[in-house]
């Protein structure tokens, strides 16, 4: 066996060495130096790019991508936001149709890091697009003049092609995108008058949404109801806006039903919608995420909750125990009731012999097979002990020689008369 393993290891080593030599001779890379490649079919852009935003006005930057018509299994984006970063900067992920969010986080203080990852909901249905699709967007309101830069990590940012698992993301023309936040007016010798806001200016803000409860549980195929709350946080000048709702499901054979798939909400008002998530009949057990994508006139926000698929409990048949009979024994303290009604009789505590319950002692914690094994071992030991006691050879008693020589017996002589010959 050791010779076989040694020969196998040598063959694997020779194969790996041969692959490396072939790759070098043919100018091929076994592991690419970076994720993004030059001339890849997929694109990743920010919209708008390198522009100026006014102070104290809510603004946004969309993160967009296109697969260039190629089938895609997943996206991964790692970006750094540095410079004069607004304190209220947030990022809202918007998974495209047929994809689900795996990671979406924006962390840091003065410098922030965005981590975003999408995968297809069904491995048999890859994602594809020929036009830019919004992945999500940055929302912020600049309060200080300065400049903010967004740059992508070309090693960790990737777009994975279906089946081949190769990265087809084209390196962006510029890896760093600059955004100046704040007024750019030239200073004057006299102070600028305070700007008076125009009454008819509509300021769009990201809608506020929530999905409750945070977690529910049910068996396979159960329909669990959740309440979606949406608040239109636009300025009053915007009036009513229409918000559309779509479900985010862990598997394609799950379903969701909304009490309303869209809702017109006035600025500052709040509305609620009921959504029922239904798991499939063959869903895996455990806790799975479900969510709702709420898209408005400018922003799209996702809210997620948990759906726990329970493991069905084994059906146990109750054991019907007979009521023990009460027997009165003369001389005891228990006396029969004066009424012959059975309900007036005292029911004694059932003993271990009268119930089907297992004893609570230590033996109840030992498996039956172990008890039989211990009993058999003790019987074997007892057999050899008895055999040694009763079937062994006994030692004969030792004879103690006499201390003195007994006297020689005296011979008594007597005469013997000759036989008398008598006729027969």
Protein backbone atom coordinates (compact mmCIF):
# COMPACT_ATOMS: atom_id res chain seq x y z
CA UNK A 1 0.00 0.00 0.00
CA UNK A 2 2.86 2.41 0.84
CA UNK A 3 4.48 1.69 -2.53
CA UNK A 4 1.22 2.52 -4.34
CA UNK A 5 0.87 5.84 -2.47
CA UNK A 6 4.50 6.74 -3.18
CA UNK A 7 4.14 5.98 -6.90
CA UNK A 8 0.90 8.02 -7.04
CA UNK A 9 2.57 11.02 -5.38
CA UNK A 10 5.51 10.87 -7.82
CA UNK A 11 3.13 10.78 -10.80
CA UNK A 12 1.16 13.81 -9.48
CA UNK A 13 4.40 15.75 -8.96
CA UNK A 14 5.59 14.90 -12.49
CA UNK A 15 2.22 16.01 -13.92
CA UNK A 16 2.29 19.32 -12.03
CA UNK A 17 5.88 19.99 -13.12
CA UNK A 18 4.96 19.20 -16.72
CA UNK A 19 2.00 21.59 -16.58
CA UNK A 20 4.21 24.37 -15.25
CA UNK A 21 6.84 23.85 -17.96
CA UNK A 22 4.12 23.81 -20.65
CA UNK A 23 2.62 27.04 -19.27
CA UNK A 24 6.00 28.78 -19.29
CA UNK A 25 6.87 27.62 -22.80
CA UNK A 26 3.47 28.71 -24.11
CA UNK A 27 3.51 32.02 -22.18
CA UNK A 28 0.41 31.08 -20.13
CA UNK A 29 -0.41 32.14 -16.58
CA UNK A 30 -1.53 29.43 -14.18
CA UNK A 31 -2.78 32.03 -11.66
CA UNK A 32 -3.43 35.55 -12.97
CA UNK A 33 -1.61 38.36 -11.22
CA UNK A 34 -4.81 40.36 -10.83
CA UNK A 35 -8.54 39.80 -11.07
CA UNK A 36 -9.41 42.39 -13.69
CA UNK A 37 -7.97 41.86 -17.17
CA UNK A 38 -7.25 44.18 -20.06
CA UNK A 39 -9.95 44.03 -22.71
CA UNK A 40 -12.43 42.01 -20.62
CA UNK A 41 -16.00 41.81 -21.85
CA UNK A 42 -17.55 43.11 -18.61
CA UNK A 43 -17.50 46.76 -17.54
CA UNK A 44 -17.80 48.53 -14.18
CA UNK A 45 -18.56 52.28 -14.05
CA UNK A 46 -19.76 55.09 -11.78
CA UNK A 47 -22.53 57.38 -13.00
CA UNK A 48 -21.93 60.30 -13.04
CA UNK A 49 -18.13 60.41 -13.11
CA UNK A 50 -16.00 63.36 -12.04
CA UNK A 51 -18.68 65.91 -11.47
CA UNK A 52 -19.51 68.61 -8.91
CA UNK A 53 -22.29 68.40 -6.32
CA UNK A 54 -23.69 71.42 -4.45
CA UNK A 55 -23.46 71.66 -0.67
CA UNK A 56 -26.53 70.75 1.48
CA UNK A 57 -28.26 69.02 -1.41
CA UNK A 58 -28.92 65.29 -1.36
CA UNK A 59 -27.00 63.60 -4.15
CA UNK A 60 -26.18 60.11 -5.36
CA UNK A 61 -23.69 58.18 -7.50
CA UNK A 62 -24.81 54.98 -9.21
CA UNK A 63 -22.58 51.91 -9.52
CA UNK A 64 -23.30 50.24 -12.85
CA UNK A 65 -22.04 47.20 -14.75
CA UNK A 66 -22.56 45.28 -17.95
CA UNK A 67 -21.54 41.71 -18.73
CA UNK A 68 -21.04 42.46 -22.43
CA UNK A 69 -23.52 39.76 -23.38
CA UNK A 70 -21.57 37.06 -21.52
CA UNK A 71 -23.17 34.68 -19.02
CA UNK A 72 -22.20 35.63 -15.46
CA UNK A 73 -22.30 33.63 -12.22
CA UNK A 74 -21.36 36.40 -9.79
CA UNK A 75 -19.97 39.88 -9.15
CA UNK A 76 -17.58 41.09 -6.47
CA UNK A 77 -16.68 44.73 -5.85
CA UNK A 78 -14.19 46.14 -3.34
CA UNK A 79 -13.81 49.93 -3.40
CA UNK A 80 -12.18 52.60 -1.22
CA UNK A 81 -13.77 56.00 -0.61
CA UNK A 82 -11.27 58.60 0.59
CA UNK A 83 -10.83 62.34 0.82
CA UNK A 84 -13.60 64.60 2.11
CA UNK A 85 -16.11 61.84 2.80
CA UNK A 86 -19.59 63.09 3.86
CA UNK A 87 -20.64 61.88 7.30
CA UNK A 88 -23.98 60.56 6.01
CA UNK A 89 -22.50 58.60 3.10
CA UNK A 90 -24.36 55.32 2.61
CA UNK A 91 -24.49 52.64 -0.06
CA UNK A 92 -27.67 50.81 -1.08
CA UNK A 93 -27.20 47.53 -2.95
CA UNK A 94 -29.60 46.76 -5.80
CA UNK A 95 -29.21 43.16 -6.98
CA UNK A 96 -30.24 42.70 -10.62
CA UNK A 97 -33.10 40.40 -11.49
CA UNK A 98 -32.15 36.77 -10.92
CA UNK A 99 -29.33 37.61 -8.50
CA UNK A 100 -29.09 37.83 -4.71
CA UNK A 101 -26.92 39.85 -2.34
CA UNK A 102 -24.24 37.91 -0.45
CA UNK A 103 -22.25 40.82 1.04
CA UNK A 104 -23.05 44.52 1.20
CA UNK A 105 -21.16 46.64 3.71
CA UNK A 106 -19.70 50.13 3.94
CA UNK A 107 -17.30 50.45 6.87
CA UNK A 108 -14.79 53.00 8.12
CA UNK A 109 -14.78 56.61 9.37
CA UNK A 110 -12.60 59.07 7.51
CA UNK A 111 -11.85 56.48 4.83
CA UNK A 112 -14.57 53.96 3.96
CA UNK A 113 -14.41 50.56 2.30
CA UNK A 114 -17.22 49.12 0.21
CA UNK A 115 -17.60 45.33 -0.05
CA UNK A 116 -20.29 44.06 -2.39
CA UNK A 117 -21.00 40.60 -3.81
CA UNK A 118 -23.87 39.16 -5.87
CA UNK A 119 -24.46 35.59 -7.08
CA UNK A 120 -27.19 34.07 -9.22
CA UNK A 121 -30.22 32.68 -7.40
CA UNK A 122 -30.19 29.60 -9.62
CA UNK A 123 -26.89 28.07 -10.75
CA UNK A 124 -28.60 26.90 -13.92
CA UNK A 125 -29.70 30.43 -14.87
CA UNK A 126 -26.67 32.75 -15.27
CA UNK A 127 -27.01 36.53 -15.49
CA UNK A 128 -26.32 38.43 -18.69
CA UNK A 129 -26.72 42.01 -19.93
CA UNK A 130 -25.66 44.12 -22.87
CA UNK A 131 -26.64 47.48 -21.37
CA UNK A 132 -25.49 48.98 -18.05
CA UNK A 133 -27.34 47.64 -15.00
CA UNK A 134 -27.35 49.44 -11.65
CA UNK A 135 -25.70 47.46 -8.84
CA UNK A 136 -26.43 50.07 -6.20
CA UNK A 137 -25.72 53.67 -5.41
CA UNK A 138 -23.96 55.95 -2.97
CA UNK A 139 -26.23 58.46 -1.20
CA UNK A 140 -24.88 61.52 0.58
CA UNK A 141 -25.40 65.21 1.36
CA UNK A 142 -22.10 67.14 1.28
CA UNK A 143 -21.72 69.79 3.96
CA UNK A 144 -18.06 70.72 3.49
CA UNK A 145 -16.18 71.80 0.41
CA UNK A 146 -13.56 69.30 -0.71
CA UNK A 147 -12.98 66.33 -2.90
CA UNK A 148 -13.99 62.67 -2.57
CA UNK A 149 -12.31 59.86 -4.48
CA UNK A 150 -13.64 56.37 -5.18
CA UNK A 151 -11.13 53.77 -6.32
CA UNK A 152 -11.54 50.05 -7.04
CA UNK A 153 -9.32 47.20 -5.92
CA UNK A 154 -8.44 45.44 -9.20
CA UNK A 155 -7.33 42.30 -7.35
CA UNK A 156 -10.53 41.75 -5.40
CA UNK A 157 -13.01 43.33 -7.80
CA UNK A 158 -14.10 40.72 -10.34
CA UNK A 159 -16.91 39.48 -12.57
CA UNK A 160 -16.94 35.68 -12.88
CA UNK A 161 -17.98 34.05 -16.14
CA UNK A 162 -20.38 31.12 -16.12
CA UNK A 163 -18.90 27.57 -16.42
CA UNK A 164 -15.31 28.75 -16.95
CA UNK A 165 -15.21 30.74 -13.63
CA UNK A 166 -12.80 33.14 -15.33
CA UNK A 167 -12.75 36.83 -14.53
CA UNK A 168 -13.84 38.89 -17.56
CA UNK A 169 -13.91 42.34 -15.90
CA UNK A 170 -12.13 44.98 -17.95
CA UNK A 171 -9.82 47.23 -15.96
CA UNK A 172 -11.57 50.63 -15.73
CA UNK A 173 -10.09 53.40 -17.84
CA UNK A 174 -9.38 55.27 -14.63
CA UNK A 175 -9.22 53.33 -11.38
CA UNK A 176 -9.82 56.44 -9.34
CA UNK A 177 -12.99 58.53 -9.70
CA UNK A 178 -12.88 62.04 -8.23
CA UNK A 179 -15.89 63.90 -6.94
CA UNK A 180 -15.76 67.42 -5.59
CA UNK A 181 -18.27 67.98 -2.84
CA UNK A 182 -18.98 71.62 -2.11
CA UNK A 183 -19.45 74.91 -3.86
CA UNK A 184 -16.96 75.88 -6.55
CA UNK A 185 -17.85 79.59 -6.79
CA UNK A 186 -14.85 81.94 -7.01
CA UNK A 187 -14.30 84.01 -3.86
CA UNK A 188 -15.18 87.73 -4.03
CA UNK A 189 -14.15 90.75 -2.01
CA UNK A 190 -17.62 91.10 -0.59
CA UNK A 191 -19.45 88.35 1.22
CA UNK A 192 -21.91 86.36 -0.84
CA UNK A 193 -25.52 86.89 0.08
CA UNK A 194 -27.31 83.95 1.66
CA UNK A 195 -28.96 81.91 -1.02
CA UNK A 196 -32.69 81.71 -0.76
CA UNK A 197 -34.00 78.25 -1.59
CA UNK A 198 -36.44 78.08 -4.44
CA UNK A 199 -39.90 77.06 -3.31
CA UNK A 200 -40.48 74.67 -6.17
CA UNK A 201 -37.21 72.72 -5.89
CA UNK A 202 -37.87 69.00 -5.33
CA UNK A 203 -35.23 67.25 -3.24
CA UNK A 204 -35.24 63.50 -3.60
CA UNK A 205 -34.13 61.50 -0.59
CA UNK A 206 -33.77 57.76 -0.14
CA UNK A 207 -37.00 56.22 1.08
CA UNK A 208 -37.03 54.62 4.53
CA UNK A 209 -38.18 51.00 4.61
CA UNK A 210 -38.46 48.21 7.16
CA UNK A 211 -39.58 44.57 7.03
CA UNK A 212 -40.97 42.87 10.12
CA UNK A 213 -40.79 40.60 11.98
CA UNK A 214 -37.07 39.97 11.78
CA UNK A 215 -37.51 36.20 11.79
CA UNK A 216 -40.31 33.64 11.50
CA UNK A 217 -40.39 29.86 11.29
CA UNK A 218 -42.58 27.28 9.60
CA UNK A 219 -42.58 23.90 7.92
CA UNK A 220 -41.78 23.31 4.26
CA UNK A 221 -44.38 24.93 2.04
CA UNK A 222 -45.57 27.31 4.78
CA UNK A 223 -46.66 30.81 3.84
CA UNK A 224 -45.30 33.35 6.34
CA UNK A 225 -46.61 36.92 6.33
CA UNK A 226 -44.29 39.93 6.79
CA UNK A 227 -45.16 43.62 6.92
CA UNK A 228 -43.27 46.06 4.70
CA UNK A 229 -43.30 49.71 5.82
CA UNK A 230 -42.27 52.42 3.33
CA UNK A 231 -41.87 56.13 4.06
CA UNK A 232 -41.51 58.72 1.29
CA UNK A 233 -38.75 60.99 2.64
CA UNK A 234 -38.71 63.42 -0.31
CA UNK A 235 -39.24 67.11 0.24
CA UNK A 236 -42.81 68.35 0.19
CA UNK A 237 -42.26 69.94 -3.23
CA UNK A 238 -41.96 66.48 -4.82
CA UNK A 239 -45.53 65.46 -4.07
CA UNK A 240 -46.53 61.80 -4.43
CA UNK A 241 -44.12 59.18 -5.74
CA UNK A 242 -44.75 55.60 -6.85
CA UNK A 243 -42.72 52.82 -5.25
CA UNK A 244 -42.50 49.33 -6.76
CA UNK A 245 -41.92 46.15 -4.77
CA UNK A 246 -40.20 42.92 -5.81
CA UNK A 247 -39.18 39.87 -3.80
CA UNK A 248 -35.68 38.52 -3.18
CA UNK A 249 -35.83 34.74 -2.69
CA UNK A 250 -33.12 32.23 -1.74
CA UNK A 251 -34.28 29.72 -4.38
CA UNK A 252 -36.19 30.02 -7.63
CA UNK A 253 -38.87 27.53 -6.49
CA UNK A 254 -39.83 29.76 -3.55
CA UNK A 255 -42.60 32.31 -4.09
CA UNK A 256 -43.79 35.63 -2.72
CA UNK A 257 -47.20 37.31 -2.88
CA UNK A 258 -47.66 41.06 -2.23
CA UNK A 259 -50.91 42.66 -1.17
CA UNK A 260 -49.85 45.37 -3.62
CA UNK A 261 -46.84 45.36 -5.96
CA UNK A 262 -46.70 49.18 -6.10
CA UNK A 263 -47.91 52.06 -3.98
CA UNK A 264 -48.18 55.84 -4.54
CA UNK A 265 -47.07 57.66 -1.36
CA UNK A 266 -47.12 61.39 -0.71
CA UNK A 267 -43.99 63.15 0.52
CA UNK A 268 -43.53 62.56 4.24
CA UNK A 269 -46.24 59.87 4.39
CA UNK A 270 -45.85 56.19 5.32
CA UNK A 271 -47.59 53.15 3.84
CA UNK A 272 -47.57 49.43 4.66
CA UNK A 273 -47.76 46.37 2.40
CA UNK A 274 -48.09 42.70 3.33
CA UNK A 275 -45.86 40.13 1.63
CA UNK A 276 -46.25 36.36 2.09
CA UNK A 277 -43.13 34.28 1.50
CA UNK A 278 -43.75 30.58 0.74
CA UNK A 279 -40.97 28.00 0.89
CA UNK A 280 -40.75 25.05 -1.50
CA UNK A 281 -41.79 21.51 -0.60
CA UNK A 282 -38.16 20.33 -0.87
CA UNK A 283 -36.48 23.34 0.73
CA UNK A 284 -33.41 22.66 2.90
CA UNK A 285 -33.94 22.98 6.62
CA UNK A 286 -32.51 25.93 8.53
CA UNK A 287 -32.64 29.72 8.45
CA UNK A 288 -32.62 31.37 5.01
CA UNK A 289 -32.75 35.08 4.06
CA UNK A 290 -35.69 36.60 2.20
CA UNK A 291 -36.15 40.23 1.29
CA UNK A 292 -37.95 42.94 -0.62
CA UNK A 293 -36.51 45.41 -3.11
CA UNK A 294 -38.26 48.80 -2.96
CA UNK A 295 -37.52 51.00 -5.97
CA UNK A 296 -38.65 54.62 -6.16
CA UNK A 297 -38.22 57.45 -8.65
CA UNK A 298 -34.52 57.76 -7.80
CA UNK A 299 -33.45 55.16 -5.22
CA UNK A 300 -33.79 51.42 -4.74
CA UNK A 301 -33.40 49.92 -1.26
CA UNK A 302 -33.44 46.33 -0.03
CA UNK A 303 -34.77 45.08 3.31
CA UNK A 304 -34.07 41.49 4.40
CA UNK A 305 -35.42 39.17 7.12
CA UNK A 306 -35.08 35.49 8.05
CA UNK A 307 -37.30 32.53 7.15
CA UNK A 308 -36.58 29.43 9.25
CA UNK A 309 -37.61 26.09 7.74
CA UNK A 310 -38.33 23.73 10.64
CA UNK A 311 -37.39 20.08 10.83
CA UNK A 312 -40.64 18.10 11.27
CA UNK A 313 -40.85 16.48 14.71
CA UNK A 314 -41.44 12.71 14.95
CA UNK A 315 -45.06 11.80 15.67
CA UNK A 316 -45.31 10.14 19.07
CA UNK A 317 -48.31 8.02 20.06
CA UNK A 318 -49.43 8.65 23.66
CA UNK A 319 -49.34 5.64 25.94
CA UNK A 320 -52.62 4.97 27.75
CA UNK A 321 -51.87 3.74 31.26
CA UNK A 322 -54.49 1.82 33.26
CA UNK A 323 -55.65 3.40 36.48
CA UNK A 324 -54.17 1.36 39.37
CA UNK A 325 -56.74 -0.41 41.55
CA UNK A 326 -57.04 0.74 45.16
CA UNK A 327 -56.94 -2.16 47.64
CA UNK A 328 -57.64 -1.64 51.30
CA UNK A 329 -55.48 -3.72 53.65
CA UNK A 330 -56.72 -3.94 57.26
CA UNK A 331 -54.33 -2.46 59.73
CA UNK A 332 -52.99 0.18 57.37
CA UNK A 333 -53.60 3.91 57.56
CA UNK A 334 -55.43 3.92 54.20
CA UNK A 335 -59.15 3.58 54.62
CA UNK A 336 -61.76 3.08 51.95
CA UNK A 337 -63.96 6.01 51.13
CA UNK A 338 -67.45 6.06 52.58
CA UNK A 339 -68.76 6.74 49.11
CA UNK A 340 -68.66 3.95 46.53
CA UNK A 341 -68.02 6.50 43.77
CA UNK A 342 -64.68 5.64 42.08
CA UNK A 343 -63.73 9.30 41.85
CA UNK A 344 -63.55 9.53 45.65
CA UNK A 345 -61.02 6.74 45.96
CA UNK A 346 -57.46 7.77 46.64
CA UNK A 347 -55.18 6.91 43.75
CA UNK A 348 -51.85 5.61 45.04
CA UNK A 349 -48.63 6.70 43.46
CA UNK A 350 -47.74 4.27 40.65
CA UNK A 351 -44.61 2.28 41.35
CA UNK A 352 -41.88 1.49 38.86
CA UNK A 353 -43.52 -1.89 38.19
CA UNK A 354 -46.93 -0.37 37.47
CA UNK A 355 -45.76 2.23 34.96
CA UNK A 356 -44.14 2.15 31.57
CA UNK A 357 -41.62 4.80 32.47
CA UNK A 358 -37.98 3.85 32.50
CA UNK A 359 -36.22 4.01 35.90
CA UNK A 360 -34.40 7.20 36.69
CA UNK A 361 -31.30 5.43 38.10
CA UNK A 362 -27.84 5.07 36.63
CA UNK A 363 -28.72 1.86 34.79
CA UNK A 364 -31.28 3.74 32.75
CA UNK A 365 -28.41 5.69 31.22
CA UNK A 366 -26.53 2.52 30.13
CA UNK A 367 -27.52 1.00 26.77
CA UNK A 368 -29.15 -2.44 26.87
CA UNK A 369 -26.36 -3.98 24.78
CA UNK A 370 -23.77 -2.73 27.32
CA UNK A 371 -25.75 -4.27 30.20
CA UNK A 372 -25.90 -7.63 28.41
CA UNK A 373 -22.16 -7.47 27.67
CA UNK A 374 -21.30 -6.73 31.31
CA UNK A 375 -23.58 -9.54 32.49
CA UNK A 376 -21.97 -12.03 30.10
CA UNK A 377 -18.49 -11.00 31.22
CA UNK A 378 -19.41 -11.50 34.88
CA UNK A 379 -20.84 -14.97 34.11
CA UNK A 380 -17.59 -15.98 32.40
CA UNK A 381 -15.53 -14.77 35.38
CA UNK A 382 -17.84 -16.65 37.78
CA UNK A 383 -17.50 -19.83 35.66
CA UNK A 384 -13.69 -19.82 35.91
CA UNK A 385 -13.81 -19.13 39.67
CA UNK A 386 -16.12 -22.11 40.26
CA UNK A 387 -14.02 -24.31 38.01
CA UNK A 388 -10.90 -23.43 39.96
CA UNK A 389 -12.63 -24.25 43.27
CA UNK A 390 -14.33 -27.53 42.42
CA UNK A 391 -12.70 -29.16 39.41
CA UNK A 392 -9.04 -28.75 40.37
CA UNK A 393 -6.84 -31.65 41.67
CA UNK A 394 -6.82 -31.94 45.45
CA UNK A 395 -3.54 -32.59 47.21
CA UNK A 396 -3.44 -35.97 49.13
CA UNK A 397 -2.98 -35.70 52.86
CA UNK A 398 0.56 -36.15 54.06
CA UNK A 399 1.36 -39.19 56.25
CA UNK A 400 3.13 -38.42 59.46
CA UNK A 401 5.65 -41.18 60.26
CA UNK A 402 5.28 -42.68 63.72
CA UNK A 403 7.64 -41.45 66.33
CA UNK A 404 8.34 -44.99 67.70
CA UNK A 405 8.56 -48.44 66.19
CA UNK A 406 5.52 -50.47 67.07
CA UNK A 407 6.25 -53.80 68.83
CA UNK A 408 6.57 -56.91 66.73
CA UNK A 409 3.34 -58.87 66.85
CA UNK A 410 3.53 -62.16 68.82
CA UNK A 411 2.85 -65.25 66.79
CA UNK A 412 0.43 -67.62 68.44
CA UNK A 413 1.05 -71.28 67.63
CA UNK A 414 -1.66 -73.92 67.71
CA UNK A 415 -1.78 -77.49 66.71
CA UNK A 416 -3.61 -78.61 63.66
CA UNK A 417 -5.25 -81.91 63.81
CA UNK A 418 -5.01 -84.04 60.73
CA UNK A 419 -8.17 -84.52 58.80
CA UNK A 420 -10.26 -87.47 59.56
CA UNK A 421 -10.83 -89.75 56.74
CA UNK A 422 -14.44 -90.63 56.70
CA UNK A 423 -16.25 -92.58 54.11
CA UNK A 424 -18.42 -90.58 51.86
